PDB file of all heavy atoms in Angstrom:
ATOM      1  N   ALA A   1       0.797  -1.228   0.000  1.00  0.00           N
ATOM      2  CA  ALA A   1       0.000   0.000   0.000  1.00  0.00           C
ATOM      3  C   ALA A   1       0.829   1.278   0.000  1.00  0.00           C
ATOM      4  O   ALA A   1       0.278   2.366  -0.164  1.00  0.00           O
ATOM      5  CB  ALA A   1      -0.931   0.006   1.219  1.00  0.00           C
ATOM      6  N   GLY A   2       2.143   1.173   0.152  1.00  0.00           N
ATOM      7  CA  GLY A   2       2.983   2.361   0.278  1.00  0.00           C
ATOM      8  C   GLY A   2       3.393   2.963  -1.047  1.00  0.00           C
ATOM      9  O   GLY A   2       3.127   2.425  -2.127  1.00  0.00           O
ATOM     10  N   TYR A   3       4.094   4.089  -0.968  1.00  0.00           N
ATOM     11  CA  TYR A   3       4.543   4.792  -2.163  1.00  0.00           C
ATOM     12  C   TYR A   3       5.524   3.947  -2.988  1.00  0.00           C
ATOM     13  O   TYR A   3       5.420   3.885  -4.219  1.00  0.00           O
ATOM     14  CB  TYR A   3       5.223   6.110  -1.788  1.00  0.00           C
ATOM     15  CG  TYR A   3       4.297   7.189  -1.287  1.00  0.00           C
ATOM     16  CD1 TYR A   3       4.615   7.921  -0.140  1.00  0.00           C
ATOM     17  CD2 TYR A   3       3.113   7.508  -1.957  1.00  0.00           C
ATOM     18  CE1 TYR A   3       3.782   8.927   0.320  1.00  0.00           C
ATOM     19  CE2 TYR A   3       2.281   8.507  -1.500  1.00  0.00           C
ATOM     20  CZ  TYR A   3       2.618   9.217  -0.357  1.00  0.00           C
ATOM     21  OH  TYR A   3       1.794  10.211   0.099  1.00  0.00           O
ATOM     22  N   THR A   4       6.508   3.323  -2.327  1.00  0.00           N
ATOM     23  CA  THR A   4       7.501   2.572  -3.095  1.00  0.00           C
ATOM     24  C   THR A   4       6.861   1.369  -3.777  1.00  0.00           C
ATOM     25  O   THR A   4       7.220   1.032  -4.906  1.00  0.00           O
ATOM     26  CB  THR A   4       8.672   2.126  -2.204  1.00  0.00           C
ATOM     27  OG1 THR A   4       8.189   1.351  -1.111  1.00  0.00           O
ATOM     28  CG2 THR A   4       9.449   3.319  -1.693  1.00  0.00           C
ATOM     29  N   ALA A   5       5.906   0.723  -3.108  1.00  0.00           N
ATOM     30  CA  ALA A   5       5.209  -0.404  -3.732  1.00  0.00           C
ATOM     31  C   ALA A   5       4.385   0.062  -4.923  1.00  0.00           C
ATOM     32  O   ALA A   5       4.333  -0.611  -5.963  1.00  0.00           O
ATOM     33  CB  ALA A   5       4.318  -1.105  -2.714  1.00  0.00           C
ATOM     34  N   GLY A   6       3.728   1.198  -4.796  1.00  0.00           N
ATOM     35  CA  GLY A   6       2.957   1.734  -5.916  1.00  0.00           C
ATOM     36  C   GLY A   6       3.828   2.015  -7.123  1.00  0.00           C
ATOM     37  O   GLY A   6       3.477   1.674  -8.253  1.00  0.00           O
ATOM     38  N   GLU A   7       4.978   2.643  -6.899  1.00  0.00           N
ATOM     39  CA  GLU A   7       5.909   2.902  -7.993  1.00  0.00           C
ATOM     40  C   GLU A   7       6.445   1.602  -8.569  1.00  0.00           C
ATOM     41  O   GLU A   7       6.607   1.460  -9.788  1.00  0.00           O
ATOM     42  CB  GLU A   7       7.069   3.770  -7.507  1.00  0.00           C
ATOM     43  CG  GLU A   7       6.703   5.216  -7.268  1.00  0.00           C
ATOM     44  CD  GLU A   7       6.286   5.908  -8.555  1.00  0.00           C
ATOM     45  OE1 GLU A   7       7.163   6.371  -9.301  1.00  0.00           O
ATOM     46  OE2 GLU A   7       5.073   5.971  -8.824  1.00  0.00           O
ATOM     47  N   LEU A   8       6.731   0.639  -7.696  1.00  0.00           N
ATOM     48  CA  LEU A   8       7.244  -0.650  -8.143  1.00  0.00           C
ATOM     49  C   LEU A   8       6.243  -1.345  -9.058  1.00  0.00           C
ATOM     50  O   LEU A   8       6.599  -1.854 -10.127  1.00  0.00           O
ATOM     51  CB  LEU A   8       7.551  -1.523  -6.923  1.00  0.00           C
ATOM     52  CG  LEU A   8       8.166  -2.885  -7.188  1.00  0.00           C
ATOM     53  CD1 LEU A   8       9.538  -2.758  -7.840  1.00  0.00           C
ATOM     54  CD2 LEU A   8       8.278  -3.677  -5.888  1.00  0.00           C
ATOM     55  N   MET A   9       4.972  -1.353  -8.671  1.00  0.00           N
ATOM     56  CA  MET A   9       3.958  -2.002  -9.500  1.00  0.00           C
ATOM     57  C   MET A   9       3.773  -1.273 -10.828  1.00  0.00           C
ATOM     58  O   MET A   9       3.560  -1.901 -11.867  1.00  0.00           O
ATOM     59  CB  MET A   9       2.639  -2.091  -8.738  1.00  0.00           C
ATOM     60  CG  MET A   9       2.659  -3.174  -7.665  1.00  0.00           C
ATOM     61  SD  MET A   9       1.077  -3.356  -6.842  1.00  0.00           S
ATOM     62  CE  MET A   9       1.210  -2.107  -5.573  1.00  0.00           C
ATOM     63  N   ARG A  10       3.870   0.036 -10.798  1.00  0.00           N
ATOM     64  CA  ARG A  10       3.771   0.809 -12.047  1.00  0.00           C
ATOM     65  C   ARG A  10       4.867   0.401 -13.019  1.00  0.00           C
ATOM     66  O   ARG A  10       4.643   0.316 -14.230  1.00  0.00           O
ATOM     67  CB  ARG A  10       3.868   2.308 -11.736  1.00  0.00           C
ATOM     68  CG  ARG A  10       3.756   3.201 -12.955  1.00  0.00           C
ATOM     69  CD  ARG A  10       3.612   4.656 -12.562  1.00  0.00           C
ATOM     70  NE  ARG A  10       4.821   5.212 -11.977  1.00  0.00           N
ATOM     71  CZ  ARG A  10       5.784   5.793 -12.682  1.00  0.00           C
ATOM     72  NH1 ARG A  10       5.701   5.870 -13.999  1.00  0.00           N
ATOM     73  NH2 ARG A  10       6.832   6.299 -12.083  1.00  0.00           N
ATOM     74  N   LEU A  11       6.059   0.124 -12.501  1.00  0.00           N
ATOM     75  CA  LEU A  11       7.159  -0.325 -13.349  1.00  0.00           C
ATOM     76  C   LEU A  11       6.974  -1.779 -13.795  1.00  0.00           C
ATOM     77  O   LEU A  11       7.164  -2.105 -14.969  1.00  0.00           O
ATOM     78  CB  LEU A  11       8.487  -0.184 -12.595  1.00  0.00           C
ATOM     79  CG  LEU A  11       8.910   1.235 -12.214  1.00  0.00           C
ATOM     80  CD1 LEU A  11      10.153   1.195 -11.342  1.00  0.00           C
ATOM     81  CD2 LEU A  11       9.147   2.084 -13.453  1.00  0.00           C
ATOM     82  N   LEU A  12       6.614  -2.639 -12.854  1.00  0.00           N
ATOM     83  CA  LEU A  12       6.543  -4.068 -13.155  1.00  0.00           C
ATOM     84  C   LEU A  12       5.413  -4.421 -14.117  1.00  0.00           C
ATOM     85  O   LEU A  12       5.551  -5.343 -14.927  1.00  0.00           O
ATOM     86  CB  LEU A  12       6.373  -4.865 -11.861  1.00  0.00           C
ATOM     87  CG  LEU A  12       7.560  -4.841 -10.896  1.00  0.00           C
ATOM     88  CD1 LEU A  12       7.184  -5.528  -9.582  1.00  0.00           C
ATOM     89  CD2 LEU A  12       8.779  -5.508 -11.509  1.00  0.00           C
ATOM     90  N   VAL A  13       4.297  -3.696 -14.038  1.00  0.00           N
ATOM     91  CA  VAL A  13       3.166  -4.025 -14.899  1.00  0.00           C
ATOM     92  C   VAL A  13       3.484  -3.736 -16.362  1.00  0.00           C
ATOM     93  O   VAL A  13       2.882  -4.318 -17.279  1.00  0.00           O
ATOM     94  CB  VAL A  13       1.899  -3.277 -14.429  1.00  0.00           C
ATOM     95  CG1 VAL A  13       1.928  -1.816 -14.839  1.00  0.00           C
ATOM     96  CG2 VAL A  13       0.632  -3.966 -14.913  1.00  0.00           C
ATOM     97  N   HIS A  14       4.467  -2.856 -16.611  1.00  0.00           N
ATOM     98  CA  HIS A  14       4.894  -2.549 -17.974  1.00  0.00           C
ATOM     99  C   HIS A  14       6.213  -3.228 -18.345  1.00  0.00           C
ATOM    100  O   HIS A  14       6.690  -3.061 -19.474  1.00  0.00           O
ATOM    101  CB  HIS A  14       5.032  -1.035 -18.150  1.00  0.00           C
ATOM    102  CG  HIS A  14       3.729  -0.295 -18.047  1.00  0.00           C
ATOM    103  ND1 HIS A  14       2.716  -0.438 -18.969  1.00  0.00           N
ATOM    104  CD2 HIS A  14       3.267   0.577 -17.119  1.00  0.00           C
ATOM    105  CE1 HIS A  14       1.687   0.319 -18.619  1.00  0.00           C
ATOM    106  NE2 HIS A  14       2.002   0.946 -17.503  1.00  0.00           N
ATOM    107  N   HIS A  15       6.810  -3.943 -17.402  1.00  0.00           N
ATOM    108  CA  HIS A  15       8.091  -4.616 -17.665  1.00  0.00           C
ATOM    109  C   HIS A  15       7.827  -5.837 -18.549  1.00  0.00           C
ATOM    110  O   HIS A  15       6.948  -6.644 -18.251  1.00  0.00           O
ATOM    111  CB  HIS A  15       8.715  -5.038 -16.329  1.00  0.00           C
ATOM    112  CG  HIS A  15      10.149  -5.447 -16.411  1.00  0.00           C
ATOM    113  ND1 HIS A  15      10.561  -6.603 -17.046  1.00  0.00           N
ATOM    114  CD2 HIS A  15      11.280  -4.868 -15.908  1.00  0.00           C
ATOM    115  CE1 HIS A  15      11.878  -6.710 -16.942  1.00  0.00           C
ATOM    116  NE2 HIS A  15      12.332  -5.672 -16.259  1.00  0.00           N
ATOM    117  N   PRO A  16       8.568  -6.012 -19.637  1.00  0.00           N
ATOM    118  CA  PRO A  16       8.266  -7.100 -20.567  1.00  0.00           C
ATOM    119  C   PRO A  16       8.579  -8.491 -20.028  1.00  0.00           C
ATOM    120  O   PRO A  16       8.122  -9.480 -20.610  1.00  0.00           O
ATOM    121  CB  PRO A  16       9.163  -6.790 -21.773  1.00  0.00           C
ATOM    122  CG  PRO A  16      10.298  -5.999 -21.213  1.00  0.00           C
ATOM    123  CD  PRO A  16       9.698  -5.177 -20.115  1.00  0.00           C
ATOM    124  N   ASN A  17       9.310  -8.588 -18.918  1.00  0.00           N
ATOM    125  CA  ASN A  17       9.747  -9.897 -18.436  1.00  0.00           C
ATOM    126  C   ASN A  17       9.182 -10.270 -17.072  1.00  0.00           C
ATOM    127  O   ASN A  17       9.636 -11.235 -16.456  1.00  0.00           O
ATOM    128  CB  ASN A  17      11.282  -9.944 -18.354  1.00  0.00           C
ATOM    129  CG  ASN A  17      11.940  -9.712 -19.696  1.00  0.00           C
ATOM    130  OD1 ASN A  17      12.422  -8.615 -19.965  1.00  0.00           O
ATOM    131  ND2 ASN A  17      11.937 -10.719 -20.553  1.00  0.00           N
ATOM    132  N   THR A  18       8.182  -9.521 -16.575  1.00  0.00           N
ATOM    133  CA  THR A  18       7.666  -9.814 -15.236  1.00  0.00           C
ATOM    134  C   THR A  18       6.153 -10.005 -15.228  1.00  0.00           C
ATOM    135  O   THR A  18       5.427  -9.444 -16.051  1.00  0.00           O
ATOM    136  CB  THR A  18       8.009  -8.684 -14.244  1.00  0.00           C
ATOM    137  OG1 THR A  18       7.429  -7.458 -14.698  1.00  0.00           O
ATOM    138  CG2 THR A  18       9.512  -8.523 -14.086  1.00  0.00           C
ATOM    139  N   ASN A  19       5.709 -10.797 -14.259  1.00  0.00           N
ATOM    140  CA  ASN A  19       4.292 -10.948 -13.965  1.00  0.00           C
ATOM    141  C   ASN A  19       4.107 -10.765 -12.463  1.00  0.00           C
ATOM    142  O   ASN A  19       4.776 -11.426 -11.664  1.00  0.00           O
ATOM    143  CB  ASN A  19       3.786 -12.335 -14.371  1.00  0.00           C
ATOM    144  CG  ASN A  19       2.318 -12.531 -14.000  1.00  0.00           C
ATOM    145  OD1 ASN A  19       1.450 -11.820 -14.501  1.00  0.00           O
ATOM    146  ND2 ASN A  19       2.047 -13.480 -13.101  1.00  0.00           N
ATOM    147  N   ILE A  20       3.220  -9.853 -12.078  1.00  0.00           N
ATOM    148  CA  ILE A  20       2.956  -9.637 -10.650  1.00  0.00           C
ATOM    149  C   ILE A  20       2.059 -10.776 -10.167  1.00  0.00           C
ATOM    150  O   ILE A  20       0.878 -10.845 -10.501  1.00  0.00           O
ATOM    151  CB  ILE A  20       2.305  -8.269 -10.410  1.00  0.00           C
ATOM    152  CG1 ILE A  20       3.212  -7.144 -10.917  1.00  0.00           C
ATOM    153  CG2 ILE A  20       2.013  -8.080  -8.917  1.00  0.00           C
ATOM    154  CD1 ILE A  20       2.595  -5.761 -10.833  1.00  0.00           C
ATOM    155  N   ASN A  21       2.642 -11.658  -9.361  1.00  0.00           N
ATOM    156  CA  ASN A  21       1.944 -12.848  -8.889  1.00  0.00           C
ATOM    157  C   ASN A  21       1.027 -12.536  -7.721  1.00  0.00           C
ATOM    158  O   ASN A  21      -0.112 -12.999  -7.672  1.00  0.00           O
ATOM    159  CB  ASN A  21       2.985 -13.897  -8.482  1.00  0.00           C
ATOM    160  CG  ASN A  21       2.390 -15.238  -8.145  1.00  0.00           C
ATOM    161  OD1 ASN A  21       1.827 -15.416  -7.069  1.00  0.00           O
ATOM    162  ND2 ASN A  21       2.507 -16.194  -9.063  1.00  0.00           N
ATOM    163  N   PHE A  22       1.506 -11.762  -6.771  1.00  0.00           N
ATOM    164  CA  PHE A  22       0.666 -11.348  -5.638  1.00  0.00           C
ATOM    165  C   PHE A  22       1.229 -10.071  -5.025  1.00  0.00           C
ATOM    166  O   PHE A  22       2.419  -9.771  -5.143  1.00  0.00           O
ATOM    167  CB  PHE A  22       0.553 -12.451  -4.573  1.00  0.00           C
ATOM    168  CG  PHE A  22       1.808 -12.655  -3.754  1.00  0.00           C
ATOM    169  CD1 PHE A  22       2.022 -11.945  -2.577  1.00  0.00           C
ATOM    170  CD2 PHE A  22       2.771 -13.572  -4.158  1.00  0.00           C
ATOM    171  CE1 PHE A  22       3.178 -12.137  -1.824  1.00  0.00           C
ATOM    172  CE2 PHE A  22       3.926 -13.768  -3.407  1.00  0.00           C
ATOM    173  CZ  PHE A  22       4.130 -13.042  -2.235  1.00  0.00           C
ATOM    174  N   VAL A  23       0.328  -9.327  -4.381  1.00  0.00           N
ATOM    175  CA  VAL A  23       0.709  -8.123  -3.645  1.00  0.00           C
ATOM    176  C   VAL A  23       0.117  -8.252  -2.251  1.00  0.00           C
ATOM    177  O   VAL A  23      -1.105  -8.280  -2.076  1.00  0.00           O
ATOM    178  CB  VAL A  23       0.212  -6.844  -4.338  1.00  0.00           C
ATOM    179  CG1 VAL A  23       0.612  -5.615  -3.523  1.00  0.00           C
ATOM    180  CG2 VAL A  23       0.758  -6.758  -5.758  1.00  0.00           C
ATOM    181  N   PHE A  24       0.974  -8.339  -1.259  1.00  0.00           N
ATOM    182  CA  PHE A  24       0.588  -8.627   0.121  1.00  0.00           C
ATOM    183  C   PHE A  24       0.373  -7.343   0.900  1.00  0.00           C
ATOM    184  O   PHE A  24       1.237  -6.471   0.938  1.00  0.00           O
ATOM    185  CB  PHE A  24       1.704  -9.465   0.773  1.00  0.00           C
ATOM    186  CG  PHE A  24       1.443  -9.867   2.202  1.00  0.00           C
ATOM    187  CD1 PHE A  24       0.813 -11.064   2.496  1.00  0.00           C
ATOM    188  CD2 PHE A  24       1.863  -9.056   3.245  1.00  0.00           C
ATOM    189  CE1 PHE A  24       0.602 -11.447   3.811  1.00  0.00           C
ATOM    190  CE2 PHE A  24       1.652  -9.422   4.562  1.00  0.00           C
ATOM    191  CZ  PHE A  24       1.015 -10.622   4.846  1.00  0.00           C
ATOM    192  N   SER A  25      -0.799  -7.226   1.516  1.00  0.00           N
ATOM    193  CA  SER A  25      -1.086  -6.104   2.409  1.00  0.00           C
ATOM    194  C   SER A  25      -2.174  -6.530   3.375  1.00  0.00           C
ATOM    195  O   SER A  25      -3.315  -6.761   2.971  1.00  0.00           O
ATOM    196  CB  SER A  25      -1.539  -4.868   1.624  1.00  0.00           C
ATOM    197  OG  SER A  25      -1.969  -3.847   2.498  1.00  0.00           O
ATOM    198  N   THR A  26      -1.839  -6.677   4.647  1.00  0.00           N
ATOM    199  CA  THR A  26      -2.830  -7.132   5.625  1.00  0.00           C
ATOM    200  C   THR A  26      -3.937  -6.093   5.814  1.00  0.00           C
ATOM    201  O   THR A  26      -5.093  -6.442   6.058  1.00  0.00           O
ATOM    202  CB  THR A  26      -2.160  -7.421   6.973  1.00  0.00           C
ATOM    203  OG1 THR A  26      -1.402  -6.269   7.379  1.00  0.00           O
ATOM    204  CG2 THR A  26      -1.219  -8.621   6.874  1.00  0.00           C
ATOM    205  N   SER A  27      -3.623  -4.824   5.687  1.00  0.00           N
ATOM    206  CA  SER A  27      -4.620  -3.780   5.918  1.00  0.00           C
ATOM    207  C   SER A  27      -5.570  -3.594   4.738  1.00  0.00           C
ATOM    208  O   SER A  27      -6.637  -2.988   4.891  1.00  0.00           O
ATOM    209  CB  SER A  27      -3.934  -2.444   6.238  1.00  0.00           C
ATOM    210  OG  SER A  27      -3.117  -2.033   5.159  1.00  0.00           O
ATOM    211  N   ASN A  28      -5.190  -4.117   3.556  1.00  0.00           N
ATOM    212  CA  ASN A  28      -6.015  -3.917   2.362  1.00  0.00           C
ATOM    213  C   ASN A  28      -6.451  -5.219   1.694  1.00  0.00           C
ATOM    214  O   ASN A  28      -6.949  -5.186   0.567  1.00  0.00           O
ATOM    215  CB  ASN A  28      -5.239  -3.080   1.338  1.00  0.00           C
ATOM    216  CG  ASN A  28      -5.164  -1.621   1.725  1.00  0.00           C
ATOM    217  OD1 ASN A  28      -6.113  -0.867   1.564  1.00  0.00           O
ATOM    218  ND2 ASN A  28      -4.009  -1.225   2.266  1.00  0.00           N
ATOM    219  N   ALA A  29      -6.260  -6.340   2.356  1.00  0.00           N
ATOM    220  CA  ALA A  29      -6.569  -7.642   1.751  1.00  0.00           C
ATOM    221  C   ALA A  29      -8.005  -7.668   1.222  1.00  0.00           C
ATOM    222  O   ALA A  29      -8.946  -7.278   1.914  1.00  0.00           O
ATOM    223  CB  ALA A  29      -6.364  -8.754   2.768  1.00  0.00           C
ATOM    224  N   GLY A  30      -8.140  -8.094  -0.034  1.00  0.00           N
ATOM    225  CA  GLY A  30      -9.447  -8.173  -0.676  1.00  0.00           C
ATOM    226  C   GLY A  30      -9.818  -6.937  -1.466  1.00  0.00           C
ATOM    227  O   GLY A  30     -10.730  -6.990  -2.300  1.00  0.00           O
ATOM    228  N   ASN A  31      -9.148  -5.825  -1.243  1.00  0.00           N
ATOM    229  CA  ASN A  31      -9.428  -4.602  -1.992  1.00  0.00           C
ATOM    230  C   ASN A  31      -8.645  -4.583  -3.306  1.00  0.00           C
ATOM    231  O   ASN A  31      -7.546  -5.116  -3.391  1.00  0.00           O
ATOM    232  CB  ASN A  31      -9.031  -3.368  -1.175  1.00  0.00           C
ATOM    233  CG  ASN A  31      -9.874  -3.193   0.071  1.00  0.00           C
ATOM    234  OD1 ASN A  31     -11.047  -3.557   0.082  1.00  0.00           O
ATOM    235  ND2 ASN A  31      -9.279  -2.650   1.118  1.00  0.00           N
ATOM    236  N   LYS A  32      -9.212  -3.945  -4.299  1.00  0.00           N
ATOM    237  CA  LYS A  32      -8.499  -3.796  -5.559  1.00  0.00           C
ATOM    238  C   LYS A  32      -7.291  -2.877  -5.353  1.00  0.00           C
ATOM    239  O   LYS A  32      -7.392  -1.842  -4.683  1.00  0.00           O
ATOM    240  CB  LYS A  32      -9.414  -3.235  -6.644  1.00  0.00           C
ATOM    241  CG  LYS A  32     -10.529  -4.174  -7.071  1.00  0.00           C
ATOM    242  CD  LYS A  32     -11.272  -3.661  -8.286  1.00  0.00           C
ATOM    243  CE  LYS A  32     -10.436  -3.771  -9.539  1.00  0.00           C
ATOM    244  NZ  LYS A  32     -11.201  -3.474 -10.766  1.00  0.00           N
ATOM    245  N   ILE A  33      -6.192  -3.255  -5.937  1.00  0.00           N
ATOM    246  CA  ILE A  33      -4.977  -2.453  -5.824  1.00  0.00           C
ATOM    247  C   ILE A  33      -5.206  -1.054  -6.381  1.00  0.00           C
ATOM    248  O   ILE A  33      -4.705  -0.059  -5.843  1.00  0.00           O
ATOM    249  CB  ILE A  33      -3.812  -3.160  -6.552  1.00  0.00           C
ATOM    250  CG1 ILE A  33      -3.401  -4.410  -5.770  1.00  0.00           C
ATOM    251  CG2 ILE A  33      -2.628  -2.228  -6.738  1.00  0.00           C
ATOM    252  CD1 ILE A  33      -2.427  -5.310  -6.493  1.00  0.00           C
ATOM    253  N   SER A  34      -6.009  -0.952  -7.441  1.00  0.00           N
ATOM    254  CA  SER A  34      -6.235   0.348  -8.078  1.00  0.00           C
ATOM    255  C   SER A  34      -7.080   1.291  -7.229  1.00  0.00           C
ATOM    256  O   SER A  34      -7.179   2.479  -7.537  1.00  0.00           O
ATOM    257  CB  SER A  34      -6.883   0.158  -9.455  1.00  0.00           C
ATOM    258  OG  SER A  34      -8.105  -0.536  -9.342  1.00  0.00           O
ATOM    259  N   LYS A  35      -7.680   0.805  -6.141  1.00  0.00           N
ATOM    260  CA  LYS A  35      -8.379   1.698  -5.227  1.00  0.00           C
ATOM    261  C   LYS A  35      -7.389   2.464  -4.355  1.00  0.00           C
ATOM    262  O   LYS A  35      -7.674   3.571  -3.889  1.00  0.00           O
ATOM    263  CB  LYS A  35      -9.360   0.921  -4.343  1.00  0.00           C
ATOM    264  CG  LYS A  35     -10.606   0.428  -5.080  1.00  0.00           C
ATOM    265  CD  LYS A  35     -11.629  -0.154  -4.131  1.00  0.00           C
ATOM    266  CE  LYS A  35     -12.299   0.908  -3.285  1.00  0.00           C
ATOM    267  NZ  LYS A  35     -13.183   1.798  -4.079  1.00  0.00           N
ATOM    268  N   VAL A  36      -6.224   1.874  -4.119  1.00  0.00           N
ATOM    269  CA  VAL A  36      -5.177   2.540  -3.341  1.00  0.00           C
ATOM    270  C   VAL A  36      -4.223   3.285  -4.271  1.00  0.00           C
ATOM    271  O   VAL A  36      -3.925   4.458  -4.062  1.00  0.00           O
ATOM    272  CB  VAL A  36      -4.404   1.520  -2.476  1.00  0.00           C
ATOM    273  CG1 VAL A  36      -3.219   2.171  -1.782  1.00  0.00           C
ATOM    274  CG2 VAL A  36      -5.342   0.898  -1.448  1.00  0.00           C
ATOM    275  N   HIS A  37      -3.752   2.586  -5.299  1.00  0.00           N
ATOM    276  CA  HIS A  37      -2.840   3.180  -6.276  1.00  0.00           C
ATOM    277  C   HIS A  37      -3.661   3.528  -7.514  1.00  0.00           C
ATOM    278  O   HIS A  37      -3.753   2.758  -8.467  1.00  0.00           O
ATOM    279  CB  HIS A  37      -1.708   2.209  -6.604  1.00  0.00           C
ATOM    280  CG  HIS A  37      -0.913   1.820  -5.402  1.00  0.00           C
ATOM    281  ND1 HIS A  37      -0.127   2.707  -4.712  1.00  0.00           N
ATOM    282  CD2 HIS A  37      -0.794   0.631  -4.754  1.00  0.00           C
ATOM    283  CE1 HIS A  37       0.451   2.088  -3.698  1.00  0.00           C
ATOM    284  NE2 HIS A  37       0.064   0.837  -3.696  1.00  0.00           N
ATOM    285  N   GLN A  38      -4.256   4.707  -7.490  1.00  0.00           N
ATOM    286  CA  GLN A  38      -5.292   5.032  -8.463  1.00  0.00           C
ATOM    287  C   GLN A  38      -4.757   5.298  -9.862  1.00  0.00           C
ATOM    288  O   GLN A  38      -5.521   5.342 -10.824  1.00  0.00           O
ATOM    289  CB  GLN A  38      -6.116   6.207  -7.947  1.00  0.00           C
ATOM    290  CG  GLN A  38      -6.867   5.841  -6.666  1.00  0.00           C
ATOM    291  CD  GLN A  38      -7.704   6.973  -6.114  1.00  0.00           C
ATOM    292  OE1 GLN A  38      -7.861   8.017  -6.741  1.00  0.00           O
ATOM    293  NE2 GLN A  38      -8.237   6.770  -4.922  1.00  0.00           N
TER     294      GLN A  38
END
């Protein structure tokens, strides 16, 4: 849910060699990632 994770996902989702398998956050479990990182 933090700033560095948001930036990291922004990079990884466009990286040609990576797939985001899971994003762990106990405080946001079940919520869409795009609700936090809009």
